[in-house]
Amino acid sequence: MTARPAEADIRETMLRLVAEAGPEGTASPEAVARALAGSDPKAWSKLMPAVRRAAVSLALAGALSIRRKGRPVDPKEFKGVYRLGPPAA
């Protein structure tokens, strides 16, 4: 069993995937978890709460945006399925 990635590793992976998606693209939180834990759903799904916490933290710091239905949302109040994009202009 692999160790749980540190929050810094989650953040770094998240920012890398958002950058790779480009200025108009987005990355899924699932892609972040899979990049860290591999393709086994049991492994990456356990990371989803930590990925969400990192996304909120980075969005509050202005490093990325959390999007629902293509639009940036308040990182403190969003619910449901979301994507990660570059910071909102």
Protein backbone atom coordinates (compact mmCIF):
# COMPACT_ATOMS: atom_id res chain seq x y z
CA MET A 1 0.00 0.00 0.00
CA THR A 2 1.35 3.43 -0.89
CA ALA A 3 1.47 6.27 1.58
CA ARG A 4 -1.08 9.05 1.35
CA PRO A 5 0.44 11.97 -0.57
CA ALA A 6 1.30 15.11 1.34
CA GLU A 7 -0.90 18.17 0.83
CA ALA A 8 2.02 19.86 -0.94
CA ASP A 9 2.12 17.00 -3.47
CA ILE A 10 -1.62 17.29 -4.05
CA ARG A 11 -1.34 21.04 -4.61
CA GLU A 12 1.64 20.67 -6.94
CA THR A 13 -0.11 18.02 -9.01
CA MET A 14 -3.29 20.08 -9.14
CA LEU A 15 -1.49 23.22 -10.31
CA ARG A 16 0.46 21.23 -12.91
CA LEU A 17 -2.68 19.66 -14.39
CA VAL A 18 -4.47 23.02 -14.50
CA ALA A 19 -1.44 24.58 -16.24
CA GLU A 20 -1.30 21.69 -18.73
CA ALA A 21 -5.00 22.23 -19.54
CA GLY A 22 -4.16 25.73 -20.78
CA PRO A 23 -5.84 29.10 -20.26
CA GLU A 24 -9.23 27.93 -21.53
CA GLY A 25 -9.09 24.35 -20.22
CA THR A 26 -9.92 22.68 -16.94
CA ALA A 27 -8.77 19.63 -15.03
CA SER A 28 -10.94 17.26 -13.06
CA PRO A 29 -10.35 16.57 -9.38
CA GLU A 30 -10.47 12.88 -10.31
CA ALA A 31 -7.48 13.38 -12.64
CA VAL A 32 -5.54 14.88 -9.74
CA ALA A 33 -6.34 11.92 -7.50
CA ARG A 34 -5.51 9.41 -10.26
CA ALA A 35 -2.19 11.13 -10.98
CA LEU A 36 -1.25 10.63 -7.34
CA ALA A 37 -2.78 7.24 -6.54
CA GLY A 38 -3.01 5.38 -9.86
CA SER A 39 -6.02 4.04 -11.68
CA ASP A 40 -7.41 1.78 -8.93
CA PRO A 41 -10.73 3.41 -7.93
CA LYS A 42 -10.31 2.26 -4.32
CA ALA A 43 -7.00 4.11 -4.09
CA TRP A 44 -7.82 7.37 -5.85
CA SER A 45 -11.33 7.74 -4.43
CA LYS A 46 -9.86 7.89 -0.92
CA LEU A 47 -7.94 11.00 -1.98
CA MET A 48 -10.97 12.95 -3.19
CA PRO A 49 -11.68 14.73 0.14
CA ALA A 50 -8.01 15.84 0.36
CA VAL A 51 -8.12 16.97 -3.28
CA ARG A 52 -11.23 19.03 -2.57
CA ARG A 53 -9.62 20.65 0.49
CA ALA A 54 -6.52 21.52 -1.55
CA ALA A 55 -8.68 22.95 -4.35
CA VAL A 56 -10.56 25.18 -1.92
CA SER A 57 -7.33 26.36 -0.33
CA LEU A 58 -5.72 27.16 -3.69
CA ALA A 59 -8.87 28.90 -4.93
CA LEU A 60 -9.03 31.07 -1.81
CA ALA A 61 -5.37 31.98 -2.39
CA GLY A 62 -6.16 32.95 -5.99
CA ALA A 63 -3.97 30.24 -7.54
CA LEU A 64 -6.83 28.55 -9.44
CA SER A 65 -10.59 28.68 -9.82
CA ILE A 66 -13.23 26.14 -8.98
CA ARG A 67 -15.82 25.90 -11.76
CA ARG A 68 -19.30 24.51 -12.06
CA LYS A 69 -20.98 24.41 -15.43
CA GLY A 70 -18.04 26.37 -16.86
CA ARG A 71 -18.30 29.29 -14.46
CA PRO A 72 -16.15 30.17 -11.45
CA VAL A 73 -17.92 29.60 -8.13
CA ASP A 74 -17.31 30.67 -4.55
CA PRO A 75 -14.84 28.11 -3.15
CA LYS A 76 -16.51 28.33 0.27
CA GLU A 77 -20.02 27.51 -0.93
CA PHE A 78 -19.97 25.24 -3.99
CA LYS A 79 -21.57 21.81 -4.04
CA GLY A 80 -21.51 18.87 -6.40
CA VAL A 81 -19.38 18.14 -9.42
CA TYR A 82 -16.64 20.68 -10.13
CA ARG A 83 -13.64 21.31 -12.36
CA LEU A 84 -10.39 23.15 -11.75
CA GLY A 85 -9.32 26.01 -13.97
CA PRO A 86 -6.91 28.91 -14.10
CA PRO A 87 -7.58 31.79 -11.74
CA ALA A 88 -10.64 33.86 -12.61
CA ALA A 89 -9.77 37.15 -14.28
